[in-house]
C-alpha atoms as a PDB file:
ATOM      1  CA  UNK A   1      -5.591  35.495 -10.458  1.00  0.00           C
ATOM      2  CA  UNK A   2      -7.135  33.174  -7.841  1.00  0.00           C
ATOM      3  CA  UNK A   3      -9.055  31.360 -10.603  1.00  0.00           C
ATOM      4  CA  UNK A   4      -5.810  30.778 -12.517  1.00  0.00           C
ATOM      5  CA  UNK A   5      -4.112  29.448  -9.379  1.00  0.00           C
ATOM      6  CA  UNK A   6      -7.078  27.136  -8.713  1.00  0.00           C
ATOM      7  CA  UNK A   7      -6.929  25.806 -12.293  1.00  0.00           C
ATOM      8  CA  UNK A   8      -3.176  25.213 -11.997  1.00  0.00           C
ATOM      9  CA  UNK A   9      -3.515  23.344  -8.693  1.00  0.00           C
ATOM     10  CA  UNK A  10      -6.516  21.344  -9.963  1.00  0.00           C
ATOM     11  CA  UNK A  11      -4.415  20.130 -12.909  1.00  0.00           C
ATOM     12  CA  UNK A  12      -1.608  18.805 -10.669  1.00  0.00           C
ATOM     13  CA  UNK A  13      -3.514  15.650  -9.611  1.00  0.00           C
ATOM     14  CA  UNK A  14      -3.997  14.216 -13.123  1.00  0.00           C
ATOM     15  CA  UNK A  15      -0.389  15.129 -13.961  1.00  0.00           C
ATOM     16  CA  UNK A  16       0.874  13.260 -10.880  1.00  0.00           C
ATOM     17  CA  UNK A  17      -1.146  10.199 -11.864  1.00  0.00           C
ATOM     18  CA  UNK A  18       0.148  10.346 -15.453  1.00  0.00           C
ATOM     19  CA  UNK A  19       3.759  10.555 -14.257  1.00  0.00           C
ATOM     20  CA  UNK A  20       3.314   7.613 -11.876  1.00  0.00           C
ATOM     21  CA  UNK A  21       1.681   5.426 -14.540  1.00  0.00           C
ATOM     22  CA  UNK A  22       4.417   6.373 -16.990  1.00  0.00           C
ATOM     23  CA  UNK A  23       6.998   5.080 -14.487  1.00  0.00           C
ATOM     24  CA  UNK A  24       4.849   1.949 -14.020  1.00  0.00           C
ATOM     25  CA  UNK A  25       4.979   2.063 -10.201  1.00  0.00           C
ATOM     26  CA  UNK A  26       2.286   1.634  -7.570  1.00  0.00           C
ATOM     27  CA  UNK A  27       1.168   4.194  -4.999  1.00  0.00           C
ATOM     28  CA  UNK A  28       2.829   2.046  -2.317  1.00  0.00           C
ATOM     29  CA  UNK A  29       6.173   1.999  -4.191  1.00  0.00           C
ATOM     30  CA  UNK A  30       5.992   5.760  -4.735  1.00  0.00           C
ATOM     31  CA  UNK A  31       5.154   6.248  -1.057  1.00  0.00           C
ATOM     32  CA  UNK A  32       8.241   4.293  -0.010  1.00  0.00           C
ATOM     33  CA  UNK A  33      10.386   6.404  -2.355  1.00  0.00           C
ATOM     34  CA  UNK A  34       8.970   9.801  -1.305  1.00  0.00           C
ATOM     35  CA  UNK A  35       7.935   9.273   2.320  1.00  0.00           C
ATOM     36  CA  UNK A  36       4.356  10.292   1.472  1.00  0.00           C
ATOM     37  CA  UNK A  37       1.630   7.806   2.447  1.00  0.00           C
ATOM     38  CA  UNK A  38      -0.130   5.921  -0.353  1.00  0.00           C
ATOM     39  CA  UNK A  39      -3.508   7.270   0.823  1.00  0.00           C
ATOM     40  CA  UNK A  40      -2.253  10.878   0.624  1.00  0.00           C
ATOM     41  CA  UNK A  41      -0.792  10.201  -2.839  1.00  0.00           C
ATOM     42  CA  UNK A  42      -4.137   8.744  -3.942  1.00  0.00           C
ATOM     43  CA  UNK A  43      -6.020  11.829  -2.703  1.00  0.00           C
ATOM     44  CA  UNK A  44      -3.500  14.133  -4.438  1.00  0.00           C
ATOM     45  CA  UNK A  45      -3.899  12.265  -7.748  1.00  0.00           C
ATOM     46  CA  UNK A  46      -7.706  12.336  -7.462  1.00  0.00           C
ATOM     47  CA  UNK A  47      -7.691  16.089  -6.769  1.00  0.00           C
ATOM     48  CA  UNK A  48      -9.239  15.547  -3.327  1.00  0.00           C
ATOM     49  CA  UNK A  49      -6.276  17.235  -1.658  1.00  0.00           C
ATOM     50  CA  UNK A  50      -4.200  20.263  -2.637  1.00  0.00           C
ATOM     51  CA  UNK A  51      -0.454  19.560  -2.817  1.00  0.00           C
ATOM     52  CA  UNK A  52       1.977  21.373  -0.529  1.00  0.00           C
ATOM     53  CA  UNK A  53       5.543  22.333  -1.382  1.00  0.00           C
ATOM     54  CA  UNK A  54       6.751  19.653   1.066  1.00  0.00           C
ATOM     55  CA  UNK A  55       4.893  17.061  -1.042  1.00  0.00           C
ATOM     56  CA  UNK A  56       5.765  18.480  -4.463  1.00  0.00           C
ATOM     57  CA  UNK A  57       9.544  18.520  -3.862  1.00  0.00           C
ATOM     58  CA  UNK A  58       9.977  14.749  -3.277  1.00  0.00           C
ATOM     59  CA  UNK A  59       7.475  13.978  -6.059  1.00  0.00           C
ATOM     60  CA  UNK A  60       9.386  16.143  -8.542  1.00  0.00           C
ATOM     61  CA  UNK A  61      12.614  14.394  -7.485  1.00  0.00           C
ATOM     62  CA  UNK A  62      11.032  10.934  -7.865  1.00  0.00           C
ATOM     63  CA  UNK A  63       9.736  11.721 -11.350  1.00  0.00           C
ATOM     64  CA  UNK A  64      12.892  13.512 -12.491  1.00  0.00           C
ATOM     65  CA  UNK A  65      11.045  16.727 -13.365  1.00  0.00           C
ATOM     66  CA  UNK A  66      11.290  20.309 -12.137  1.00  0.00           C
ATOM     67  CA  UNK A  67       8.630  21.896  -9.952  1.00  0.00           C
ATOM     68  CA  UNK A  68       7.700  24.068 -12.944  1.00  0.00           C
ATOM     69  CA  UNK A  69       7.038  20.948 -15.000  1.00  0.00           C
ATOM     70  CA  UNK A  70       5.094  19.324 -12.170  1.00  0.00           C
ATOM     71  CA  UNK A  71       2.679  22.263 -11.857  1.00  0.00           C
ATOM     72  CA  UNK A  72       2.816  23.127 -15.583  1.00  0.00           C
ATOM     73  CA  UNK A  73       4.229  26.620 -15.080  1.00  0.00           C
ATOM     74  CA  UNK A  74       4.292  28.786 -18.212  1.00  0.00           C
ATOM     75  CA  UNK A  75       7.341  28.076 -20.394  1.00  0.00           C
ATOM     76  CA  UNK A  76      10.263  30.483 -20.136  1.00  0.00           C
ATOM     77  CA  UNK A  77      11.325  30.060 -23.762  1.00  0.00           C
ATOM     78  CA  UNK A  78      14.430  28.044 -22.828  1.00  0.00           C
ATOM     79  CA  UNK A  79      14.397  24.956 -25.111  1.00  0.00           C
ATOM     80  CA  UNK A  80      17.010  23.024 -23.124  1.00  0.00           C
ATOM     81  CA  UNK A  81      15.834  19.875 -21.385  1.00  0.00           C
ATOM     82  CA  UNK A  82      16.797  19.753 -17.732  1.00  0.00           C
ATOM     83  CA  UNK A  83      18.252  16.242 -17.482  1.00  0.00           C
ATOM     84  CA  UNK A  84      17.483  15.014 -13.977  1.00  0.00           C
ATOM     85  CA  UNK A  85      18.599  11.411 -13.540  1.00  0.00           C
ATOM     86  CA  UNK A  86      16.320   9.033 -11.663  1.00  0.00           C
ATOM     87  CA  UNK A  87      18.363   6.566  -9.595  1.00  0.00           C
ATOM     88  CA  UNK A  88      16.574   3.229  -9.170  1.00  0.00           C
ATOM     89  CA  UNK A  89      16.984   0.753  -6.325  1.00  0.00           C
ATOM     90  CA  UNK A  90      18.450  -1.886  -8.688  1.00  0.00           C
ATOM     91  CA  UNK A  91      21.423   0.373  -9.532  1.00  0.00           C
ATOM     92  CA  UNK A  92      20.068   1.539 -12.878  1.00  0.00           C
ATOM     93  CA  UNK A  93      19.670   5.193 -13.888  1.00  0.00           C
ATOM     94  CA  UNK A  94      16.934   6.665 -16.070  1.00  0.00           C
ATOM     95  CA  UNK A  95      17.291  10.049 -17.764  1.00  0.00           C
ATOM     96  CA  UNK A  96      14.013  11.459 -19.146  1.00  0.00           C
ATOM     97  CA  UNK A  97      14.843  13.206 -22.437  1.00  0.00           C
ATOM     98  CA  UNK A  98      11.411  14.710 -23.113  1.00  0.00           C
ATOM     99  CA  UNK A  99       9.388  16.997 -20.925  1.00  0.00           C
ATOM    100  CA  UNK A 100       5.986  17.248 -22.535  1.00  0.00           C
ATOM    101  CA  UNK A 101       3.178  15.059 -21.193  1.00  0.00           C
ATOM    102  CA  UNK A 102       1.577  12.523 -23.523  1.00  0.00           C
ATOM    103  CA  UNK A 103       2.778  11.286 -26.886  1.00  0.00           C
ATOM    104  CA  UNK A 104       6.032   9.448 -27.397  1.00  0.00           C
ATOM    105  CA  UNK A 105       8.482   9.812 -24.493  1.00  0.00           C
ATOM    106  CA  UNK A 106      12.272   9.483 -24.832  1.00  0.00           C
ATOM    107  CA  UNK A 107      14.565   8.080 -22.136  1.00  0.00           C
ATOM    108  CA  UNK A 108      18.198   7.103 -21.747  1.00  0.00           C
ATOM    109  CA  UNK A 109      18.720   4.016 -19.579  1.00  0.00           C
ATOM    110  CA  UNK A 110      22.013   3.069 -17.921  1.00  0.00           C
ATOM    111  CA  UNK A 111      21.921  -0.454 -16.489  1.00  0.00           C
ATOM    112  CA  UNK A 112      24.669  -1.915 -14.272  1.00  0.00           C
ATOM    113  CA  UNK A 113      26.535  -5.113 -15.144  1.00  0.00           C
ATOM    114  CA  UNK A 114      24.066  -7.986 -15.176  1.00  0.00           C
ATOM    115  CA  UNK A 115      23.964 -11.635 -14.223  1.00  0.00           C
ATOM    116  CA  UNK A 116      23.590 -13.914 -17.263  1.00  0.00           C
ATOM    117  CA  UNK A 117      21.901 -16.561 -15.095  1.00  0.00           C
ATOM    118  CA  UNK A 118      19.303 -14.122 -13.736  1.00  0.00           C
ATOM    119  CA  UNK A 119      15.717 -15.176 -14.307  1.00  0.00           C
ATOM    120  CA  UNK A 120      14.034 -12.152 -15.926  1.00  0.00           C
ATOM    121  CA  UNK A 121      10.861 -10.685 -14.426  1.00  0.00           C
ATOM    122  CA  UNK A 122       8.750 -10.263 -17.584  1.00  0.00           C
ATOM    123  CA  UNK A 123       6.244  -7.394 -17.622  1.00  0.00           C
ATOM    124  CA  UNK A 124       3.482  -6.205 -19.912  1.00  0.00           C
ATOM    125  CA  UNK A 125       1.714  -2.862 -20.280  1.00  0.00           C
ATOM    126  CA  UNK A 126      -0.093  -0.822 -22.910  1.00  0.00           C
ATOM    127  CA  UNK A 127       2.195   0.864 -25.384  1.00  0.00           C
ATOM    128  CA  UNK A 128       4.913   0.483 -27.952  1.00  0.00           C
ATOM    129  CA  UNK A 129       8.677   0.569 -27.314  1.00  0.00           C
ATOM    130  CA  UNK A 130      11.738   1.213 -29.435  1.00  0.00           C
ATOM    131  CA  UNK A 131      15.222   0.666 -27.969  1.00  0.00           C
ATOM    132  CA  UNK A 132      18.600   1.591 -29.467  1.00  0.00           C
ATOM    133  CA  UNK A 133      21.867   0.417 -27.856  1.00  0.00           C
ATOM    134  CA  UNK A 134      24.555   3.087 -27.442  1.00  0.00           C
ATOM    135  CA  UNK A 135      27.220   1.203 -25.429  1.00  0.00           C
ATOM    136  CA  UNK A 136      27.539  -2.284 -23.973  1.00  0.00           C
ATOM    137  CA  UNK A 137      25.364  -5.314 -24.584  1.00  0.00           C
ATOM    138  CA  UNK A 138      21.623  -5.315 -23.938  1.00  0.00           C
ATOM    139  CA  UNK A 139      19.747  -8.516 -23.188  1.00  0.00           C
ATOM    140  CA  UNK A 140      16.117  -8.263 -24.291  1.00  0.00           C
ATOM    141  CA  UNK A 141      13.754 -11.072 -23.397  1.00  0.00           C
ATOM    142  CA  UNK A 142      10.670 -10.669 -25.567  1.00  0.00           C
ATOM    143  CA  UNK A 143       8.094 -13.405 -25.153  1.00  0.00           C
ATOM    144  CA  UNK A 144       9.940 -16.645 -25.920  1.00  0.00           C
ATOM    145  CA  UNK A 145      12.862 -14.820 -27.581  1.00  0.00           C
ATOM    146  CA  UNK A 146      16.121 -14.122 -25.741  1.00  0.00           C
ATOM    147  CA  UNK A 147      17.909 -11.443 -27.795  1.00  0.00           C
ATOM    148  CA  UNK A 148      21.380  -9.905 -27.405  1.00  0.00           C
ATOM    149  CA  UNK A 149      21.669  -6.397 -28.870  1.00  0.00           C
ATOM    150  CA  UNK A 150      25.040  -4.695 -29.481  1.00  0.00           C
ATOM    151  CA  UNK A 151      25.813  -0.990 -30.050  1.00  0.00           C
ATOM    152  CA  UNK A 152      23.999   0.332 -33.102  1.00  0.00           C
ATOM    153  CA  UNK A 153      21.262  -2.313 -32.967  1.00  0.00           C
ATOM    154  CA  UNK A 154      17.617  -1.493 -32.258  1.00  0.00           C
ATOM    155  CA  UNK A 155      14.447  -3.355 -31.343  1.00  0.00           C
ATOM    156  CA  UNK A 156      10.828  -2.291 -31.716  1.00  0.00           C
ATOM    157  CA  UNK A 157       7.880  -4.111 -30.162  1.00  0.00           C
ATOM    158  CA  UNK A 158       4.387  -3.979 -28.714  1.00  0.00           C
ATOM    159  CA  UNK A 159       4.733  -3.782 -24.917  1.00  0.00           C
ATOM    160  CA  UNK A 160       1.725  -6.060 -24.423  1.00  0.00           C
ATOM    161  CA  UNK A 161       4.228  -8.806 -25.278  1.00  0.00           C
ATOM    162  CA  UNK A 162       5.914  -9.948 -22.018  1.00  0.00           C
ATOM    163  CA  UNK A 163       9.362  -8.311 -21.988  1.00  0.00           C
ATOM    164  CA  UNK A 164      12.436  -7.541 -19.879  1.00  0.00           C
ATOM    165  CA  UNK A 165      15.647  -5.543 -20.409  1.00  0.00           C
ATOM    166  CA  UNK A 166      18.981  -6.132 -18.691  1.00  0.00           C
ATOM    167  CA  UNK A 167      22.734  -5.837 -19.061  1.00  0.00           C
ATOM    168  CA  UNK A 168      24.901  -8.912 -19.519  1.00  0.00           C
ATOM    169  CA  UNK A 169      27.877  -9.987 -17.385  1.00  0.00           C
ATOM    170  CA  UNK A 170      30.169  -8.283 -19.939  1.00  0.00           C
ATOM    171  CA  UNK A 171      29.452  -4.889 -18.336  1.00  0.00           C
ATOM    172  CA  UNK A 172      26.948  -2.050 -18.060  1.00  0.00           C
ATOM    173  CA  UNK A 173      24.760  -1.010 -20.978  1.00  0.00           C
ATOM    174  CA  UNK A 174      23.420   2.346 -22.145  1.00  0.00           C
ATOM    175  CA  UNK A 175      20.430   2.545 -24.458  1.00  0.00           C
ATOM    176  CA  UNK A 176      17.842   4.997 -25.693  1.00  0.00           C
ATOM    177  CA  UNK A 177      14.179   4.129 -25.468  1.00  0.00           C
ATOM    178  CA  UNK A 178      11.184   5.736 -27.143  1.00  0.00           C
ATOM    179  CA  UNK A 179       7.949   4.696 -25.482  1.00  0.00           C
ATOM    180  CA  UNK A 180       4.496   5.533 -26.798  1.00  0.00           C
ATOM    181  CA  UNK A 181       0.936   4.733 -25.911  1.00  0.00           C
ATOM    182  CA  UNK A 182      -0.656   1.901 -27.878  1.00  0.00           C
ATOM    183  CA  UNK A 183      -0.504   2.626 -31.586  1.00  0.00           C
ATOM    184  CA  UNK A 184       2.150   5.356 -31.321  1.00  0.00           C
ATOM    185  CA  UNK A 185       5.151   3.797 -32.959  1.00  0.00           C
ATOM    186  CA  UNK A 186       8.523   5.474 -32.757  1.00  0.00           C
ATOM    187  CA  UNK A 187       9.254   5.552 -36.470  1.00  0.00           C
ATOM    188  CA  UNK A 188       8.279   7.737 -39.375  1.00  0.00           C
ATOM    189  CA  UNK A 189       6.036   6.233 -42.000  1.00  0.00           C
ATOM    190  CA  UNK A 190       6.453   7.284 -45.615  1.00  0.00           C
ATOM    191  CA  UNK A 191       3.454   8.787 -47.356  1.00  0.00           C
ATOM    192  CA  UNK A 192       1.610   6.328 -49.613  1.00  0.00           C
ATOM    193  CA  UNK A 193       2.336   6.473 -53.349  1.00  0.00           C
ATOM    194  CA  UNK A 194      -0.234   8.244 -55.498  1.00  0.00           C
ATOM    195  CA  UNK A 195      -3.244   6.015 -56.052  1.00  0.00           C
ATOM    196  CA  UNK A 196      -2.511   3.803 -52.997  1.00  0.00           C
ATOM    197  CA  UNK A 197      -4.647   3.828 -49.886  1.00  0.00           C
ATOM    198  CA  UNK A 198      -3.125   3.683 -46.397  1.00  0.00           C
END
């Protein structure tokens, strides 16, 4: 039993690092959000320090996951996803829609009314993104392109291309986003016809 507990606790560090990288935030930013020092967070992620309940609670809240998900507790058989919104400092809300680590991750984003004159802060990272607008108008700056997407429209792109999402001055926007590591595209490919190679 002690060996199983040790294995569970040893696996928390890599999981914490994966969750932080998935949110694309630094140790310092996470420290400001959770009240845990960046050096302690670094030691937790590296497995050099065992997490306490007082540390796991704010981390679970910051990542929008349950404690069970954070420590990879055995599944209970309940297939429902526990939607735990993540409130961001810019007024946006992120709802993680998937709970398994790795692979393509699904999110719902709710962005507040934007400023059409705002200069976007373009970012790049490894991966592939697919976005589908549910309500409102989404402004997507993708490299040199400034796109306006309406409900029912979707965009798919390599996230190594500088990009930025935002709402327009017409009101808030809600959109779904499927994000995968490099090469994991969020669409189904048809099987090749007989005699054709992939």
